[in-house]
């Protein structure tokens, strides 16, 4: 028996919970057109990426070793904290 066809297909996308957006996507699929995407400002995108690329390193340079250690300890404590359910 050949088992390669018994694998379930992966979900291509999660349907939108917004009914208007879901209707627009359904109409776009039926008509064969792409749904309209809002245009992004290229300058804002590049600035946001620039800030994201250097943000953590710039912050690390400003902090003393003691401050950096305290932040690390606090993060580790938060990750390993027992959660009440």
N, C-alpha and C. Protein backbone atom coordinates (compact mmCIF):
# COMPACT_ATOMS: atom_id res chain seq x y z
N UNK A 1 0.85 -1.18 0.00
CA UNK A 1 0.00 0.00 0.00
C UNK A 1 0.89 1.24 0.00
N UNK A 2 0.52 2.22 -0.79
CA UNK A 2 1.29 3.44 -0.91
C UNK A 2 0.72 4.48 0.04
N UNK A 3 1.55 4.91 1.03
CA UNK A 3 1.06 5.80 2.08
C UNK A 3 1.28 7.28 1.78
N UNK A 4 1.95 7.62 0.69
CA UNK A 4 2.24 9.04 0.47
C UNK A 4 0.98 9.86 0.17
N UNK A 5 -0.11 9.23 -0.19
CA UNK A 5 -1.34 9.97 -0.48
C UNK A 5 -2.25 10.10 0.75
N UNK A 6 -1.86 9.48 1.87
CA UNK A 6 -2.70 9.52 3.06
C UNK A 6 -2.37 10.69 3.97
N UNK A 7 -1.43 11.54 3.58
CA UNK A 7 -1.05 12.69 4.38
C UNK A 7 -2.09 13.79 4.17
N UNK A 8 -2.52 14.39 5.28
CA UNK A 8 -3.51 15.46 5.17
C UNK A 8 -2.86 16.71 4.58
N UNK A 9 -3.57 17.43 3.73
CA UNK A 9 -3.01 18.65 3.17
C UNK A 9 -2.89 19.74 4.23
N UNK A 10 -1.89 20.60 4.07
CA UNK A 10 -1.72 21.71 5.00
C UNK A 10 -2.75 22.79 4.69
N UNK A 11 -3.17 23.48 5.72
CA UNK A 11 -4.14 24.56 5.55
C UNK A 11 -3.45 25.72 4.83
N UNK A 12 -4.05 26.20 3.76
CA UNK A 12 -3.42 27.26 2.99
C UNK A 12 -3.52 28.60 3.69
N UNK A 13 -4.61 28.86 4.37
CA UNK A 13 -4.76 30.11 5.10
C UNK A 13 -5.88 29.98 6.11
N UNK A 14 -5.85 30.85 7.08
CA UNK A 14 -6.90 30.87 8.10
C UNK A 14 -7.95 31.87 7.64
N UNK A 15 -9.21 31.49 7.59
CA UNK A 15 -10.23 32.42 7.13
C UNK A 15 -10.34 33.63 8.06
N UNK A 16 -10.69 34.75 7.49
CA UNK A 16 -10.81 35.99 8.24
C UNK A 16 -12.05 35.95 9.14
N UNK A 17 -11.94 36.56 10.31
CA UNK A 17 -13.10 36.62 11.20
C UNK A 17 -13.96 37.85 10.89
N UNK A 18 -13.45 38.76 10.05
CA UNK A 18 -14.20 39.95 9.67
C UNK A 18 -15.10 39.59 8.49
N UNK A 19 -16.43 39.69 8.64
CA UNK A 19 -17.32 39.27 7.56
C UNK A 19 -17.16 40.10 6.28
N UNK A 20 -16.87 41.38 6.40
CA UNK A 20 -16.71 42.22 5.21
C UNK A 20 -15.44 41.81 4.46
N UNK A 21 -14.38 41.57 5.20
CA UNK A 21 -13.12 41.14 4.58
C UNK A 21 -13.29 39.77 3.93
N UNK A 22 -14.01 38.87 4.61
CA UNK A 22 -14.25 37.53 4.06
C UNK A 22 -15.07 37.63 2.77
N UNK A 23 -16.07 38.52 2.75
CA UNK A 23 -16.88 38.69 1.54
C UNK A 23 -16.04 39.25 0.40
N UNK A 24 -15.17 40.20 0.70
CA UNK A 24 -14.31 40.78 -0.33
C UNK A 24 -13.37 39.73 -0.90
N UNK A 25 -12.82 38.86 -0.03
CA UNK A 25 -11.94 37.79 -0.49
C UNK A 25 -12.69 36.79 -1.35
N UNK A 26 -13.95 36.46 -0.96
CA UNK A 26 -14.75 35.52 -1.73
C UNK A 26 -15.06 36.08 -3.12
N UNK A 27 -15.40 37.34 -3.19
CA UNK A 27 -15.68 37.97 -4.48
C UNK A 27 -14.42 38.01 -5.33
N UNK A 28 -13.30 38.30 -4.71
CA UNK A 28 -12.04 38.34 -5.45
C UNK A 28 -11.70 36.96 -6.02
N UNK A 29 -11.95 35.90 -5.23
CA UNK A 29 -11.70 34.53 -5.72
C UNK A 29 -12.63 34.19 -6.87
N UNK A 30 -13.91 34.58 -6.76
CA UNK A 30 -14.88 34.26 -7.80
C UNK A 30 -14.60 35.00 -9.11
N UNK A 31 -14.17 36.25 -9.00
CA UNK A 31 -13.91 37.03 -10.21
C UNK A 31 -12.50 36.84 -10.74
N UNK A 32 -11.64 36.19 -9.95
CA UNK A 32 -10.26 35.96 -10.39
C UNK A 32 -9.37 37.17 -10.27
N UNK A 33 -9.75 38.12 -9.45
CA UNK A 33 -8.91 39.30 -9.24
C UNK A 33 -8.27 39.23 -7.86
N UNK A 34 -7.26 40.04 -7.66
CA UNK A 34 -6.60 40.12 -6.36
C UNK A 34 -7.33 41.14 -5.50
N UNK A 35 -7.52 40.86 -4.20
CA UNK A 35 -8.13 41.87 -3.33
C UNK A 35 -7.20 43.07 -3.19
N UNK A 36 -7.78 44.25 -3.10
CA UNK A 36 -6.99 45.48 -3.02
C UNK A 36 -6.25 45.53 -1.68
N UNK A 37 -4.94 45.78 -1.75
CA UNK A 37 -4.12 45.94 -0.55
C UNK A 37 -3.81 47.42 -0.37
N UNK A 38 -3.85 47.92 0.85
CA UNK A 38 -3.50 49.33 1.05
C UNK A 38 -2.03 49.56 0.71
N UNK A 39 -1.76 50.68 0.04
CA UNK A 39 -0.40 51.00 -0.36
C UNK A 39 0.42 51.41 0.86
N UNK A 40 1.68 50.97 0.89
CA UNK A 40 2.56 51.32 2.00
C UNK A 40 3.50 52.43 1.56
N UNK A 41 3.79 53.31 2.49
CA UNK A 41 4.73 54.38 2.22
C UNK A 41 6.14 53.80 2.30
N UNK A 42 6.87 53.83 1.20
CA UNK A 42 8.20 53.21 1.14
C UNK A 42 9.16 53.86 2.12
N UNK A 43 9.07 55.16 2.30
CA UNK A 43 9.96 55.85 3.23
C UNK A 43 9.70 55.40 4.67
N UNK A 44 8.44 55.27 5.03
CA UNK A 44 8.09 54.83 6.38
C UNK A 44 8.52 53.39 6.61
N UNK A 45 8.37 52.55 5.61
CA UNK A 45 8.77 51.15 5.73
C UNK A 45 10.28 51.06 5.97
N UNK A 46 11.06 51.81 5.19
CA UNK A 46 12.51 51.74 5.34
C UNK A 46 12.95 52.30 6.68
N UNK A 47 12.30 53.37 7.15
CA UNK A 47 12.65 53.92 8.45
C UNK A 47 12.31 52.95 9.57
N UNK A 48 11.17 52.31 9.49
CA UNK A 48 10.79 51.34 10.51
C UNK A 48 11.74 50.17 10.55
N UNK A 49 12.17 49.71 9.38
CA UNK A 49 13.11 48.60 9.31
C UNK A 49 14.46 49.04 9.88
N UNK A 50 14.87 50.26 9.56
CA UNK A 50 16.14 50.77 10.06
C UNK A 50 16.14 50.79 11.58
N UNK A 51 15.07 51.33 12.15
CA UNK A 51 14.98 51.40 13.60
C UNK A 51 14.95 50.02 14.23
N UNK A 52 14.26 49.09 13.59
CA UNK A 52 14.18 47.73 14.12
C UNK A 52 15.51 47.01 14.06
N UNK A 53 16.30 47.30 13.05
CA UNK A 53 17.59 46.63 12.91
C UNK A 53 18.60 47.09 13.93
N UNK A 54 18.56 48.38 14.29
CA UNK A 54 19.58 48.86 15.21
C UNK A 54 19.07 49.12 16.63
N UNK A 55 17.78 48.94 16.87
CA UNK A 55 17.21 49.27 18.17
C UNK A 55 17.80 48.51 19.34
N UNK A 56 17.85 47.18 19.24
CA UNK A 56 18.34 46.36 20.34
C UNK A 56 19.81 46.58 20.62
N UNK A 57 20.60 46.73 19.57
CA UNK A 57 22.04 46.92 19.75
C UNK A 57 22.32 48.28 20.37
N UNK A 58 21.59 49.31 19.94
CA UNK A 58 21.78 50.64 20.49
C UNK A 58 21.40 50.66 21.97
N UNK A 59 20.33 49.97 22.32
CA UNK A 59 19.90 49.92 23.73
C UNK A 59 20.95 49.18 24.56
N UNK A 60 21.48 48.10 24.03
CA UNK A 60 22.48 47.31 24.75
C UNK A 60 23.73 48.14 25.02
N UNK A 61 24.12 48.98 24.07
CA UNK A 61 25.31 49.81 24.25
C UNK A 61 25.13 50.83 25.37
N UNK A 62 23.89 51.32 25.54
CA UNK A 62 23.62 52.34 26.55
C UNK A 62 23.60 51.77 27.97
N UNK A 63 23.26 50.49 28.11
CA UNK A 63 23.08 49.91 29.43
C UNK A 63 24.42 49.49 30.04
N UNK A 64 24.50 49.60 31.38
CA UNK A 64 25.68 49.09 32.07
C UNK A 64 25.55 47.57 32.19
N UNK A 65 26.63 46.91 32.57
CA UNK A 65 26.59 45.45 32.73
C UNK A 65 25.58 45.05 33.80
N UNK A 66 25.49 45.83 34.88
CA UNK A 66 24.56 45.51 35.96
C UNK A 66 23.11 45.63 35.48
N UNK A 67 22.82 46.68 34.71
CA UNK A 67 21.46 46.86 34.19
C UNK A 67 21.10 45.74 33.22
N UNK A 68 22.05 45.38 32.36
CA UNK A 68 21.82 44.31 31.40
C UNK A 68 21.56 42.98 32.10
N UNK A 69 22.32 42.74 33.15
CA UNK A 69 22.15 41.50 33.92
C UNK A 69 20.79 41.48 34.61
N UNK A 70 20.37 42.61 35.17
CA UNK A 70 19.07 42.68 35.85
C UNK A 70 17.94 42.43 34.87
N UNK A 71 18.04 43.00 33.67
CA UNK A 71 17.01 42.78 32.65
C UNK A 71 16.97 41.31 32.26
N UNK A 72 18.13 40.69 32.11
CA UNK A 72 18.19 39.27 31.77
C UNK A 72 17.59 38.39 32.84
N UNK A 73 17.89 38.71 34.11
CA UNK A 73 17.34 37.93 35.23
C UNK A 73 15.82 38.06 35.29
N UNK A 74 15.33 39.28 35.06
CA UNK A 74 13.89 39.50 35.10
C UNK A 74 13.20 38.72 33.98
N UNK A 75 13.80 38.71 32.80
CA UNK A 75 13.24 37.96 31.68
C UNK A 75 13.23 36.47 31.94
N UNK A 76 14.33 35.96 32.51
CA UNK A 76 14.41 34.53 32.81
C UNK A 76 13.37 34.15 33.87
N UNK A 77 13.21 35.01 34.87
CA UNK A 77 12.22 34.74 35.92
C UNK A 77 10.81 34.70 35.33
N UNK A 78 10.55 35.61 34.39
CA UNK A 78 9.22 35.64 33.77
C UNK A 78 8.98 34.39 32.93
N UNK A 79 10.02 33.91 32.24
CA UNK A 79 9.87 32.71 31.41
C UNK A 79 9.67 31.46 32.24
N UNK A 80 10.32 31.39 33.40
CA UNK A 80 10.25 30.18 34.21
C UNK A 80 9.23 30.25 35.34
N UNK A 81 8.50 31.36 35.43
CA UNK A 81 7.51 31.54 36.49
C UNK A 81 6.40 30.51 36.35
N UNK A 82 5.95 30.01 37.49
CA UNK A 82 4.83 29.08 37.48
C UNK A 82 3.56 29.85 37.15
N UNK A 83 2.79 29.32 36.24
CA UNK A 83 1.56 29.98 35.84
C UNK A 83 0.38 29.31 36.53
N UNK A 84 -0.53 30.12 37.06
CA UNK A 84 -1.74 29.55 37.66
C UNK A 84 -2.76 29.32 36.56
N UNK A 85 -3.40 28.19 36.60
CA UNK A 85 -4.36 27.84 35.53
C UNK A 85 -5.74 27.76 36.05
